[in-house]
Amino acid sequence: MTGHAIIGVDAGGTSTRCVVAALDGTVLGRGRSGGANQHSSPDPEASLRAALSGALAAAEGVPVLGAVFGVAGAAGAGHARAAEMAGRVWASLGLPGEPYVTDDIAAAFAAGSAADAGTVLIAGTGAVAGYVRDGALARRCDGHGWLLGDEGSAVWIALRGLRAVLAALDGRGRPTVLCDRLAAALELPPGERERIVDAGYARHPAELGRLAPEVTAAASDGDAVAHDIVAEAADRLLSSLATVAPENVGAAPVVLAGAVLAHGPVADSVRSGLRDRYGIVPQTATEGALGAAGLALRRAGAPEGAHDALLRAVQPSP
């Protein structure tokens, strides 16, 4: 199998990333495109095709041995639809065989640890906690989408911020700098309730998550309303993790993934909560496509340690 490669794909709500890697863990090519969440992204199939095509072009035609696609919404009932979509994209590019499709939760855990089992907490566009075993999701909490769940996610934080703005403008909520910050982010003059409502409804749910950094920045600057939103987001994320984790939380790796948990006040609060409640320091996931690539390496029978080598080469600072 010398000269062959595997593919890892992470299809999330905001972006889709693809990695082509040699069997020793060396990255040969990367591709990136828009979101491919089946429930919240505008054209998930086109995003998958664009990311995969870009990575393959960068890898300059290396023979592909196998692939793992980590697709948001592919757990449970969503698996058949995700597998069908991935299969169509795969076939349209003339690739051999079929990709292995799992959810992005298992890929996120594998992006932070090469262990066989452990807990992962993800907060990006959406939010979910999972216990992963042997590259598959064994237990999960939340990840129910922007309308019914994803508590503590970027979209959840943004929606709480917009609701706080409208409450303040109505006179039923506390004053907050979010009135100015979120209006500016929406390219609107402050104080115009109807235009804020129209702008919120006009955006695709995944796009609303881009407002979350304004809320977290306001919290860091001392705004009380934003601080309460951030504190509640962290509490809800920690509750989701506790629901799926084994009784001895520190017995297996705990991985944090997603932009909300990469840095900022929510990430700081979650890390403090893990330290204070369980006495553990979590591991930080790199991009999910590398986790999916790590799973693909293991499925392809790559040399022992290839997954670890892949993560060590790109592991972010905690």
C-alpha atoms as a PDB file:
ATOM      1  CA  MET A   1       0.000   0.000   0.000  1.00  0.00           C
ATOM      2  CA  THR A   2       3.024   2.275  -0.318  1.00  0.00           C
ATOM      3  CA  GLY A   3       2.026   5.526  -1.988  1.00  0.00           C
ATOM      4  CA  HIS A   4      -1.643   5.195  -1.052  1.00  0.00           C
ATOM      5  CA  ALA A   5      -3.595   7.698   1.015  1.00  0.00           C
ATOM      6  CA  ILE A   6      -6.764   8.026   3.063  1.00  0.00           C
ATOM      7  CA  ILE A   7      -9.285  10.843   3.279  1.00  0.00           C
ATOM      8  CA  GLY A   8     -10.870  12.444   6.308  1.00  0.00           C
ATOM      9  CA  VAL A   9     -13.860  14.773   6.019  1.00  0.00           C
ATOM     10  CA  ASP A  10     -15.477  16.895   8.714  1.00  0.00           C
ATOM     11  CA  ALA A  11     -18.834  18.232   7.533  1.00  0.00           C
ATOM     12  CA  GLY A  12     -20.110  20.743  10.072  1.00  0.00           C
ATOM     13  CA  GLY A  13     -22.702  23.482  10.142  1.00  0.00           C
ATOM     14  CA  THR A  14     -20.407  26.377   9.272  1.00  0.00           C
ATOM     15  CA  SER A  15     -17.668  24.770   7.202  1.00  0.00           C
ATOM     16  CA  THR A  16     -16.622  21.503   5.591  1.00  0.00           C
ATOM     17  CA  ARG A  17     -12.970  20.477   5.704  1.00  0.00           C
ATOM     18  CA  CYS A  18     -11.202  17.623   3.982  1.00  0.00           C
ATOM     19  CA  VAL A  19      -7.743  16.147   4.514  1.00  0.00           C
ATOM     20  CA  VAL A  20      -5.847  13.689   2.328  1.00  0.00           C
ATOM     21  CA  ALA A  21      -3.100  11.932   4.312  1.00  0.00           C
ATOM     22  CA  ALA A  22      -0.460   9.300   3.658  1.00  0.00           C
ATOM     23  CA  LEU A  23      -0.531   6.119   5.747  1.00  0.00           C
ATOM     24  CA  ASP A  24       2.206   7.454   8.029  1.00  0.00           C
ATOM     25  CA  GLY A  25       0.011  10.440   8.951  1.00  0.00           C
ATOM     26  CA  THR A  26       1.619  12.992   6.634  1.00  0.00           C
ATOM     27  CA  VAL A  27      -0.942  15.464   5.280  1.00  0.00           C
ATOM     28  CA  LEU A  28      -0.836  15.593   1.481  1.00  0.00           C
ATOM     29  CA  GLY A  29      -3.723  17.928   0.688  1.00  0.00           C
ATOM     30  CA  ARG A  30      -6.513  19.999   2.214  1.00  0.00           C
ATOM     31  CA  GLY A  31      -9.826  21.392   1.017  1.00  0.00           C
ATOM     32  CA  ARG A  32     -12.424  23.637   2.586  1.00  0.00           C
ATOM     33  CA  SER A  33     -15.904  24.857   1.693  1.00  0.00           C
ATOM     34  CA  GLY A  34     -19.185  25.927   3.268  1.00  0.00           C
ATOM     35  CA  GLY A  35     -21.282  24.075   5.815  1.00  0.00           C
ATOM     36  CA  ALA A  36     -22.705  20.594   5.147  1.00  0.00           C
ATOM     37  CA  ASN A  37     -25.065  20.100   8.080  1.00  0.00           C
ATOM     38  CA  GLN A  38     -28.153  18.353   6.717  1.00  0.00           C
ATOM     39  CA  HIS A  39     -30.472  20.439   8.884  1.00  0.00           C
ATOM     40  CA  SER A  40     -28.961  23.913   8.876  1.00  0.00           C
ATOM     41  CA  SER A  41     -26.697  24.394   5.839  1.00  0.00           C
ATOM     42  CA  PRO A  42     -27.999  25.719   2.499  1.00  0.00           C
ATOM     43  CA  ASP A  43     -26.382  23.184   0.092  1.00  0.00           C
ATOM     44  CA  PRO A  44     -24.558  20.439   2.013  1.00  0.00           C
ATOM     45  CA  GLU A  45     -23.880  18.226  -1.005  1.00  0.00           C
ATOM     46  CA  ALA A  46     -22.198  21.022  -2.955  1.00  0.00           C
ATOM     47  CA  SER A  47     -20.060  21.848   0.082  1.00  0.00           C
ATOM     48  CA  LEU A  48     -18.913  18.239   0.418  1.00  0.00           C
ATOM     49  CA  ARG A  49     -17.986  18.046  -3.246  1.00  0.00           C
ATOM     50  CA  ALA A  50     -16.055  21.326  -3.166  1.00  0.00           C
ATOM     51  CA  ALA A  51     -14.009  20.414  -0.078  1.00  0.00           C
ATOM     52  CA  LEU A  52     -13.213  16.924  -1.371  1.00  0.00           C
ATOM     53  CA  SER A  53     -12.286  18.198  -4.821  1.00  0.00           C
ATOM     54  CA  GLY A  54      -9.969  20.825  -3.372  1.00  0.00           C
ATOM     55  CA  ALA A  55      -8.111  18.349  -1.171  1.00  0.00           C
ATOM     56  CA  LEU A  56      -7.722  15.806  -3.965  1.00  0.00           C
ATOM     57  CA  ALA A  57      -6.377  18.456  -6.320  1.00  0.00           C
ATOM     58  CA  ALA A  58      -3.818  19.519  -3.715  1.00  0.00           C
ATOM     59  CA  ALA A  59      -2.774  15.872  -3.213  1.00  0.00           C
ATOM     60  CA  GLU A  60      -2.085  15.601  -6.962  1.00  0.00           C
ATOM     61  CA  GLY A  61      -3.823  12.354  -7.776  1.00  0.00           C
ATOM     62  CA  VAL A  62      -2.496  10.037  -5.074  1.00  0.00           C
ATOM     63  CA  PRO A  63      -4.388   6.673  -5.034  1.00  0.00           C
ATOM     64  CA  VAL A  64      -7.078   6.621  -2.345  1.00  0.00           C
ATOM     65  CA  LEU A  65      -7.402   3.577  -0.117  1.00  0.00           C
ATOM     66  CA  GLY A  66     -10.376   4.627   2.006  1.00  0.00           C
ATOM     67  CA  ALA A  67     -12.142   7.474   3.722  1.00  0.00           C
ATOM     68  CA  VAL A  68     -14.081   8.436   6.825  1.00  0.00           C
ATOM     69  CA  PHE A  69     -16.699  11.173   6.626  1.00  0.00           C
ATOM     70  CA  GLY A  70     -17.720  12.769   9.917  1.00  0.00           C
ATOM     71  CA  VAL A  71     -21.039  14.404   9.065  1.00  0.00           C
ATOM     72  CA  ALA A  72     -23.091  16.606  11.360  1.00  0.00           C
ATOM     73  CA  GLY A  73     -26.494  15.011  11.884  1.00  0.00           C
ATOM     74  CA  ALA A  74     -25.353  11.536  10.805  1.00  0.00           C
ATOM     75  CA  ALA A  75     -26.064   9.852  14.131  1.00  0.00           C
ATOM     76  CA  GLY A  76     -29.172   7.684  14.471  1.00  0.00           C
ATOM     77  CA  ALA A  77     -31.933   8.359  11.974  1.00  0.00           C
ATOM     78  CA  GLY A  78     -29.812  10.827  10.026  1.00  0.00           C
ATOM     79  CA  HIS A  79     -27.175   8.244   9.107  1.00  0.00           C
ATOM     80  CA  ALA A  80     -28.895   6.844   6.013  1.00  0.00           C
ATOM     81  CA  ARG A  81     -29.374  10.293   4.504  1.00  0.00           C
ATOM     82  CA  ALA A  82     -25.785  11.309   5.279  1.00  0.00           C
ATOM     83  CA  ALA A  83     -24.402   8.082   3.814  1.00  0.00           C
ATOM     84  CA  GLU A  84     -26.466   8.524   0.652  1.00  0.00           C
ATOM     85  CA  MET A  85     -25.229  12.093   0.219  1.00  0.00           C
ATOM     86  CA  ALA A  86     -21.600  11.137   0.835  1.00  0.00           C
ATOM     87  CA  GLY A  87     -21.918   8.218  -1.579  1.00  0.00           C
ATOM     88  CA  ARG A  88     -23.244  10.432  -4.353  1.00  0.00           C
ATOM     89  CA  VAL A  89     -20.411  12.916  -3.930  1.00  0.00           C
ATOM     90  CA  TRP A  90     -17.832  10.126  -3.764  1.00  0.00           C
ATOM     91  CA  ALA A  91     -19.113   8.469  -6.933  1.00  0.00           C
ATOM     92  CA  SER A  92     -19.371  11.780  -8.795  1.00  0.00           C
ATOM     93  CA  LEU A  93     -15.618  12.249  -8.324  1.00  0.00           C
ATOM     94  CA  GLY A  94     -14.832   8.773  -9.643  1.00  0.00           C
ATOM     95  CA  LEU A  95     -13.355   7.486  -6.371  1.00  0.00           C
ATOM     96  CA  PRO A  96     -13.187   3.727  -5.705  1.00  0.00           C
ATOM     97  CA  GLY A  97     -15.408   1.926  -3.217  1.00  0.00           C
ATOM     98  CA  GLU A  98     -17.475   3.841  -0.703  1.00  0.00           C
ATOM     99  CA  PRO A  99     -16.582   6.141   2.202  1.00  0.00           C
ATOM    100  CA  TYR A 100     -17.292   5.109   5.773  1.00  0.00           C
ATOM    101  CA  VAL A 101     -19.779   7.595   7.237  1.00  0.00           C
ATOM    102  CA  THR A 102     -19.959   8.392  10.929  1.00  0.00           C
ATOM    103  CA  ASP A 103     -21.033  11.479  12.823  1.00  0.00           C
ATOM    104  CA  ASP A 104     -18.885  14.497  13.476  1.00  0.00           C
ATOM    105  CA  ILE A 105     -18.889  13.717  17.215  1.00  0.00           C
ATOM    106  CA  ALA A 106     -16.674  10.644  16.818  1.00  0.00           C
ATOM    107  CA  ALA A 107     -14.432  12.595  14.431  1.00  0.00           C
ATOM    108  CA  ALA A 108     -14.103  15.438  16.944  1.00  0.00           C
ATOM    109  CA  PHE A 109     -13.007  13.061  19.702  1.00  0.00           C
ATOM    110  CA  ALA A 110     -10.447  11.491  17.354  1.00  0.00           C
ATOM    111  CA  ALA A 111      -9.178  14.998  16.572  1.00  0.00           C
ATOM    112  CA  GLY A 112      -8.074  15.365  20.179  1.00  0.00           C
ATOM    113  CA  SER A 113      -7.159  11.826  21.205  1.00  0.00           C
ATOM    114  CA  ALA A 114      -6.117   8.558  19.589  1.00  0.00           C
ATOM    115  CA  ALA A 115      -7.581   6.650  22.556  1.00  0.00           C
ATOM    116  CA  ASP A 116     -10.186   3.958  21.940  1.00  0.00           C
ATOM    117  CA  ALA A 117     -12.733   5.606  24.264  1.00  0.00           C
ATOM    118  CA  GLY A 118     -13.481   8.901  25.971  1.00  0.00           C
ATOM    119  CA  THR A 119     -15.774  11.897  26.215  1.00  0.00           C
ATOM    120  CA  VAL A 120     -16.031  14.832  23.832  1.00  0.00           C
ATOM    121  CA  LEU A 121     -17.804  18.157  24.274  1.00  0.00           C
ATOM    122  CA  ILE A 122     -18.398  20.172  21.113  1.00  0.00           C
ATOM    123  CA  ALA A 123     -19.605  23.749  20.928  1.00  0.00           C
ATOM    124  CA  GLY A 124     -19.407  25.446  17.573  1.00  0.00           C
ATOM    125  CA  THR A 125     -22.366  26.317  15.376  1.00  0.00           C
ATOM    126  CA  GLY A 126     -24.183  23.586  17.310  1.00  0.00           C
ATOM    127  CA  ALA A 127     -23.445  21.852  20.603  1.00  0.00           C
ATOM    128  CA  VAL A 128     -23.360  18.217  21.676  1.00  0.00           C
ATOM    129  CA  ALA A 129     -21.615  15.941  24.147  1.00  0.00           C
ATOM    130  CA  GLY A 130     -20.778  12.333  23.425  1.00  0.00           C
ATOM    131  CA  TYR A 131     -19.083   9.259  24.790  1.00  0.00           C
ATOM    132  CA  VAL A 132     -17.113   7.600  21.993  1.00  0.00           C
ATOM    133  CA  ARG A 133     -15.922   3.994  21.893  1.00  0.00           C
ATOM    134  CA  ASP A 134     -13.982   2.314  19.049  1.00  0.00           C
ATOM    135  CA  GLY A 135     -14.577   5.188  16.637  1.00  0.00           C
ATOM    136  CA  ALA A 136     -18.349   5.236  17.111  1.00  0.00           C
ATOM    137  CA  LEU A 137     -20.747   7.191  19.275  1.00  0.00           C
ATOM    138  CA  ALA A 138     -21.943   5.169  22.277  1.00  0.00           C
ATOM    139  CA  ARG A 139     -23.869   7.892  24.166  1.00  0.00           C
ATOM    140  CA  ARG A 140     -24.857  11.442  23.358  1.00  0.00           C
ATOM    141  CA  CYS A 141     -26.564  14.450  24.881  1.00  0.00           C
ATOM    142  CA  ASP A 142     -28.111  17.313  22.894  1.00  0.00           C
ATOM    143  CA  GLY A 143     -27.054  18.097  19.336  1.00  0.00           C
ATOM    144  CA  HIS A 144     -30.755  18.560  18.598  1.00  0.00           C
ATOM    145  CA  GLY A 145     -30.315  21.529  16.280  1.00  0.00           C
ATOM    146  CA  TRP A 146     -30.750  25.261  16.695  1.00  0.00           C
ATOM    147  CA  LEU A 147     -34.532  25.133  17.188  1.00  0.00           C
ATOM    148  CA  LEU A 148     -34.791  22.328  19.740  1.00  0.00           C
ATOM    149  CA  GLY A 149     -31.395  22.241  21.457  1.00  0.00           C
ATOM    150  CA  ASP A 150     -27.688  22.910  20.847  1.00  0.00           C
ATOM    151  CA  GLU A 151     -27.541  24.563  24.252  1.00  0.00           C
ATOM    152  CA  GLY A 152     -24.375  26.592  24.740  1.00  0.00           C
ATOM    153  CA  SER A 153     -23.563  26.700  21.023  1.00  0.00           C
ATOM    154  CA  ALA A 154     -22.704  29.776  18.985  1.00  0.00           C
ATOM    155  CA  VAL A 155     -26.232  29.898  17.567  1.00  0.00           C
ATOM    156  CA  TRP A 156     -27.714  29.497  21.061  1.00  0.00           C
ATOM    157  CA  ILE A 157     -25.518  32.329  22.376  1.00  0.00           C
ATOM    158  CA  ALA A 158     -26.417  34.562  19.426  1.00  0.00           C
ATOM    159  CA  LEU A 159     -30.141  33.927  19.840  1.00  0.00           C
ATOM    160  CA  ARG A 160     -29.922  34.691  23.557  1.00  0.00           C
ATOM    161  CA  GLY A 161     -28.113  37.901  22.682  1.00  0.00           C
ATOM    162  CA  LEU A 162     -30.743  38.965  20.142  1.00  0.00           C
ATOM    163  CA  ARG A 163     -33.541  38.176  22.579  1.00  0.00           C
ATOM    164  CA  ALA A 164     -31.796  40.266  25.234  1.00  0.00           C
ATOM    165  CA  VAL A 165     -31.537  43.163  22.768  1.00  0.00           C
ATOM    166  CA  LEU A 166     -35.230  42.999  21.920  1.00  0.00           C
ATOM    167  CA  ALA A 167     -36.158  42.737  25.589  1.00  0.00           C
ATOM    168  CA  ALA A 168     -34.071  45.819  26.368  1.00  0.00           C
ATOM    169  CA  LEU A 169     -35.623  47.769  23.496  1.00  0.00           C
ATOM    170  CA  ASP A 170     -39.109  46.721  24.609  1.00  0.00           C
ATOM    171  CA  GLY A 171     -38.391  47.946  28.131  1.00  0.00           C
ATOM    172  CA  ARG A 172     -38.800  44.518  29.730  1.00  0.00           C
ATOM    173  CA  GLY A 173     -35.112  43.683  29.884  1.00  0.00           C
ATOM    174  CA  ARG A 174     -31.965  45.186  31.347  1.00  0.00           C
ATOM    175  CA  PRO A 175     -29.910  47.714  29.415  1.00  0.00           C
ATOM    176  CA  THR A 176     -27.019  46.103  27.563  1.00  0.00           C
ATOM    177  CA  VAL A 177     -24.270  47.120  25.150  1.00  0.00           C
ATOM    178  CA  LEU A 178     -25.490  44.255  22.981  1.00  0.00           C
ATOM    179  CA  CYS A 179     -28.067  46.684  21.586  1.00  0.00           C
ATOM    180  CA  ASP A 180     -25.251  48.566  19.867  1.00  0.00           C
ATOM    181  CA  ARG A 181     -22.902  45.616  19.244  1.00  0.00           C
ATOM    182  CA  LEU A 182     -25.415  43.306  17.567  1.00  0.00           C
ATOM    183  CA  ALA A 183     -27.017  46.108  15.550  1.00  0.00           C
ATOM    184  CA  ALA A 184     -23.581  47.017  14.211  1.00  0.00           C
ATOM    185  CA  ALA A 185     -22.825  43.360  13.434  1.00  0.00           C
ATOM    186  CA  LEU A 186     -26.090  43.210  11.476  1.00  0.00           C
ATOM    187  CA  GLU A 187     -25.145  46.484   9.736  1.00  0.00           C
ATOM    188  CA  LEU A 188     -28.157  48.243  11.205  1.00  0.00           C
ATOM    189  CA  PRO A 189     -28.580  51.441  13.204  1.00  0.00           C
ATOM    190  CA  PRO A 190     -29.168  50.713  16.912  1.00  0.00           C
ATOM    191  CA  GLY A 191     -32.644  50.776  18.393  1.00  0.00           C
ATOM    192  CA  GLU A 192     -34.678  49.649  15.371  1.00  0.00           C
ATOM    193  CA  ARG A 193     -36.533  46.622  16.660  1.00  0.00           C
ATOM    194  CA  GLU A 194     -38.390  45.711  13.499  1.00  0.00           C
ATOM    195  CA  ARG A 195     -35.236  45.756  11.372  1.00  0.00           C
ATOM    196  CA  ILE A 196     -33.392  43.635  13.936  1.00  0.00           C
ATOM    197  CA  VAL A 197     -36.234  41.098  13.883  1.00  0.00           C
ATOM    198  CA  ASP A 198     -36.291  41.080  10.077  1.00  0.00           C
ATOM    199  CA  ALA A 199     -32.505  40.654   9.914  1.00  0.00           C
ATOM    200  CA  GLY A 200     -32.619  37.761  12.372  1.00  0.00           C
ATOM    201  CA  TYR A 201     -35.307  35.874  10.465  1.00  0.00           C
ATOM    202  CA  ALA A 202     -33.670  36.593   7.121  1.00  0.00           C
ATOM    203  CA  ARG A 203     -30.491  34.747   8.061  1.00  0.00           C
ATOM    204  CA  HIS A 204     -29.989  31.013   7.816  1.00  0.00           C
ATOM    205  CA  PRO A 205     -29.709  29.550  11.346  1.00  0.00           C
ATOM    206  CA  ALA A 206     -26.049  28.618  10.889  1.00  0.00           C
ATOM    207  CA  GLU A 207     -25.255  32.221   9.942  1.00  0.00           C
ATOM    208  CA  LEU A 208     -26.626  33.536  13.240  1.00  0.00           C
ATOM    209  CA  GLY A 209     -23.750  31.858  15.063  1.00  0.00           C
ATOM    210  CA  ARG A 210     -21.444  34.528  13.652  1.00  0.00           C
ATOM    211  CA  LEU A 211     -23.007  36.975  16.112  1.00  0.00           C
ATOM    212  CA  ALA A 212     -21.845  34.939  19.122  1.00  0.00           C
ATOM    213  CA  PRO A 213     -18.371  36.570  19.319  1.00  0.00           C
ATOM    214  CA  GLU A 214     -20.078  39.930  19.874  1.00  0.00           C
ATOM    215  CA  VAL A 215     -21.871  38.485  22.892  1.00  0.00           C
ATOM    216  CA  THR A 216     -18.768  36.871  24.368  1.00  0.00           C
ATOM    217  CA  ALA A 217     -16.706  40.017  23.740  1.00  0.00           C
ATOM    218  CA  ALA A 218     -19.320  42.082  25.552  1.00  0.00           C
ATOM    219  CA  ALA A 219     -19.138  39.645  28.471  1.00  0.00           C
ATOM    220  CA  SER A 220     -15.358  40.008  28.609  1.00  0.00           C
ATOM    221  CA  ASP A 221     -15.813  43.789  28.619  1.00  0.00           C
ATOM    222  CA  GLY A 222     -18.041  43.585  31.691  1.00  0.00           C
ATOM    223  CA  ASP A 223     -21.591  43.737  30.320  1.00  0.00           C
ATOM    224  CA  ALA A 224     -23.819  42.046  32.901  1.00  0.00           C
ATOM    225  CA  VAL A 225     -26.398  40.722  30.441  1.00  0.00           C
ATOM    226  CA  ALA A 226     -23.758  39.192  28.189  1.00  0.00           C
ATOM    227  CA  HIS A 227     -21.950  37.781  31.239  1.00  0.00           C
ATOM    228  CA  ASP A 228     -25.112  35.937  32.297  1.00  0.00           C
ATOM    229  CA  ILE A 229     -25.543  34.482  28.796  1.00  0.00           C
ATOM    230  CA  VAL A 230     -21.950  33.232  28.807  1.00  0.00           C
ATOM    231  CA  ALA A 231     -22.282  31.752  32.316  1.00  0.00           C
ATOM    232  CA  GLU A 232     -25.468  29.909  31.354  1.00  0.00           C
ATOM    233  CA  ALA A 233     -23.868  28.611  28.156  1.00  0.00           C
ATOM    234  CA  ALA A 234     -20.962  27.140  30.139  1.00  0.00           C
ATOM    235  CA  ASP A 235     -23.303  25.566  32.712  1.00  0.00           C
ATOM    236  CA  ARG A 236     -25.412  23.923  30.042  1.00  0.00           C
ATOM    237  CA  LEU A 237     -22.358  22.563  28.243  1.00  0.00           C
ATOM    238  CA  LEU A 238     -20.955  21.111  31.461  1.00  0.00           C
ATOM    239  CA  SER A 239     -24.333  19.539  32.208  1.00  0.00           C
ATOM    240  CA  SER A 240     -24.371  17.872  28.785  1.00  0.00           C
ATOM    241  CA  LEU A 241     -20.875  16.497  29.332  1.00  0.00           C
ATOM    242  CA  ALA A 242     -21.762  15.145  32.775  1.00  0.00           C
ATOM    243  CA  THR A 243     -24.779  13.354  31.284  1.00  0.00           C
ATOM    244  CA  VAL A 244     -22.705  11.206  28.912  1.00  0.00           C
ATOM    245  CA  ALA A 245     -19.394  10.856  30.770  1.00  0.00           C
ATOM    246  CA  PRO A 246     -18.539   7.689  32.692  1.00  0.00           C
ATOM    247  CA  GLU A 247     -18.932   7.827  36.472  1.00  0.00           C
ATOM    248  CA  ASN A 248     -15.201   8.470  36.832  1.00  0.00           C
ATOM    249  CA  VAL A 249     -14.940  11.379  34.390  1.00  0.00           C
ATOM    250  CA  GLY A 250     -11.155  11.487  34.487  1.00  0.00           C
ATOM    251  CA  ALA A 251     -10.691   7.776  33.773  1.00  0.00           C
ATOM    252  CA  ALA A 252     -10.646   8.387  29.993  1.00  0.00           C
ATOM    253  CA  PRO A 253      -9.687  11.429  27.914  1.00  0.00           C
ATOM    254  CA  VAL A 254     -12.025  14.425  27.780  1.00  0.00           C
ATOM    255  CA  VAL A 255     -11.760  16.377  24.528  1.00  0.00           C
ATOM    256  CA  LEU A 256     -13.081  19.889  23.872  1.00  0.00           C
ATOM    257  CA  ALA A 257     -13.873  20.857  20.289  1.00  0.00           C
ATOM    258  CA  GLY A 258     -15.452  23.708  18.370  1.00  0.00           C
ATOM    259  CA  ALA A 259     -14.867  27.442  18.091  1.00  0.00           C
ATOM    260  CA  VAL A 260     -16.813  28.323  21.242  1.00  0.00           C
ATOM    261  CA  LEU A 261     -14.536  26.070  23.308  1.00  0.00           C
ATOM    262  CA  ALA A 262     -11.297  27.061  21.567  1.00  0.00           C
ATOM    263  CA  HIS A 263     -10.862  30.340  23.455  1.00  0.00           C
ATOM    264  CA  GLY A 264     -12.860  33.086  25.130  1.00  0.00           C
ATOM    265  CA  PRO A 265     -15.025  33.311  28.249  1.00  0.00           C
ATOM    266  CA  VAL A 266     -17.178  30.229  27.571  1.00  0.00           C
ATOM    267  CA  ALA A 267     -14.075  28.094  27.028  1.00  0.00           C
ATOM    268  CA  ASP A 268     -12.478  29.519  30.175  1.00  0.00           C
ATOM    269  CA  SER A 269     -15.579  28.782  32.253  1.00  0.00           C
ATOM    270  CA  VAL A 270     -15.887  25.223  30.934  1.00  0.00           C
ATOM    271  CA  ARG A 271     -12.222  24.493  31.630  1.00  0.00           C
ATOM    272  CA  SER A 272     -12.539  25.946  35.122  1.00  0.00           C
ATOM    273  CA  GLY A 273     -15.634  23.820  35.710  1.00  0.00           C
ATOM    274  CA  LEU A 274     -13.862  20.645  34.639  1.00  0.00           C
ATOM    275  CA  ARG A 275     -10.933  21.447  36.892  1.00  0.00           C
ATOM    276  CA  ASP A 276     -13.060  22.382  39.905  1.00  0.00           C
ATOM    277  CA  ARG A 277     -15.616  19.570  39.597  1.00  0.00           C
ATOM    278  CA  TYR A 278     -13.439  16.703  38.405  1.00  0.00           C
ATOM    279  CA  GLY A 279      -9.817  17.775  38.784  1.00  0.00           C
ATOM    280  CA  ILE A 280      -9.042  17.191  35.104  1.00  0.00           C
ATOM    281  CA  VAL A 281      -7.431  19.139  32.288  1.00  0.00           C
ATOM    282  CA  PRO A 282      -9.183  18.409  28.979  1.00  0.00           C
ATOM    283  CA  GLN A 283      -7.442  17.819  25.687  1.00  0.00           C
ATOM    284  CA  THR A 284      -8.043  20.258  22.832  1.00  0.00           C
ATOM    285  CA  ALA A 285      -9.200  18.928  19.490  1.00  0.00           C
ATOM    286  CA  THR A 286      -7.626  20.092  16.299  1.00  0.00           C
ATOM    287  CA  GLU A 287      -9.822  20.278  13.196  1.00  0.00           C
ATOM    288  CA  GLY A 288     -12.336  17.480  12.818  1.00  0.00           C
ATOM    289  CA  ALA A 289     -11.092  16.481   9.364  1.00  0.00           C
ATOM    290  CA  LEU A 290      -7.853  15.337  10.970  1.00  0.00           C
ATOM    291  CA  GLY A 291      -9.855  13.302  13.453  1.00  0.00           C
ATOM    292  CA  ALA A 292     -11.756  11.685  10.605  1.00  0.00           C
ATOM    293  CA  ALA A 293      -8.415  11.062   8.894  1.00  0.00           C
ATOM    294  CA  GLY A 294      -7.137   9.416  12.078  1.00  0.00           C
ATOM    295  CA  LEU A 295     -10.136   7.074  12.068  1.00  0.00           C
ATOM    296  CA  ALA A 296      -9.533   6.344   8.391  1.00  0.00           C
ATOM    297  CA  LEU A 297      -5.895   5.483   9.114  1.00  0.00           C
ATOM    298  CA  ARG A 298      -6.986   2.973  11.729  1.00  0.00           C
ATOM    299  CA  ARG A 299      -9.589   1.430   9.410  1.00  0.00           C
ATOM    300  CA  ALA A 300      -6.966   1.135   6.656  1.00  0.00           C
ATOM    301  CA  GLY A 301      -4.546  -0.751   8.893  1.00  0.00           C
ATOM    302  CA  ALA A 302      -2.002   2.072   8.970  1.00  0.00           C
ATOM    303  CA  PRO A 303       1.127   1.573  11.113  1.00  0.00           C
ATOM    304  CA  GLU A 304       0.602   1.784  14.851  1.00  0.00           C
ATOM    305  CA  GLY A 305       1.107   5.341  15.997  1.00  0.00           C
ATOM    306  CA  ALA A 306       0.090   6.968  12.694  1.00  0.00           C
ATOM    307  CA  HIS A 307      -3.003   8.526  14.279  1.00  0.00           C
ATOM    308  CA  ASP A 308      -0.920   9.890  17.164  1.00  0.00           C
ATOM    309  CA  ALA A 309       1.668  11.222  14.715  1.00  0.00           C
ATOM    310  CA  LEU A 310      -1.037  13.033  12.758  1.00  0.00           C
ATOM    311  CA  LEU A 311      -2.319  14.751  15.909  1.00  0.00           C
ATOM    312  CA  ARG A 312       1.138  15.586  17.251  1.00  0.00           C
ATOM    313  CA  ALA A 313       2.060  17.361  14.043  1.00  0.00           C
ATOM    314  CA  VAL A 314      -0.842  19.796  14.303  1.00  0.00           C
ATOM    315  CA  GLN A 315      -1.907  19.782  17.963  1.00  0.00           C
ATOM    316  CA  PRO A 316      -2.898  23.306  19.054  1.00  0.00           C
ATOM    317  CA  SER A 317      -1.722  24.887  22.272  1.00  0.00           C
ATOM    318  CA  PRO A 318      -4.124  24.335  25.184  1.00  0.00           C
END
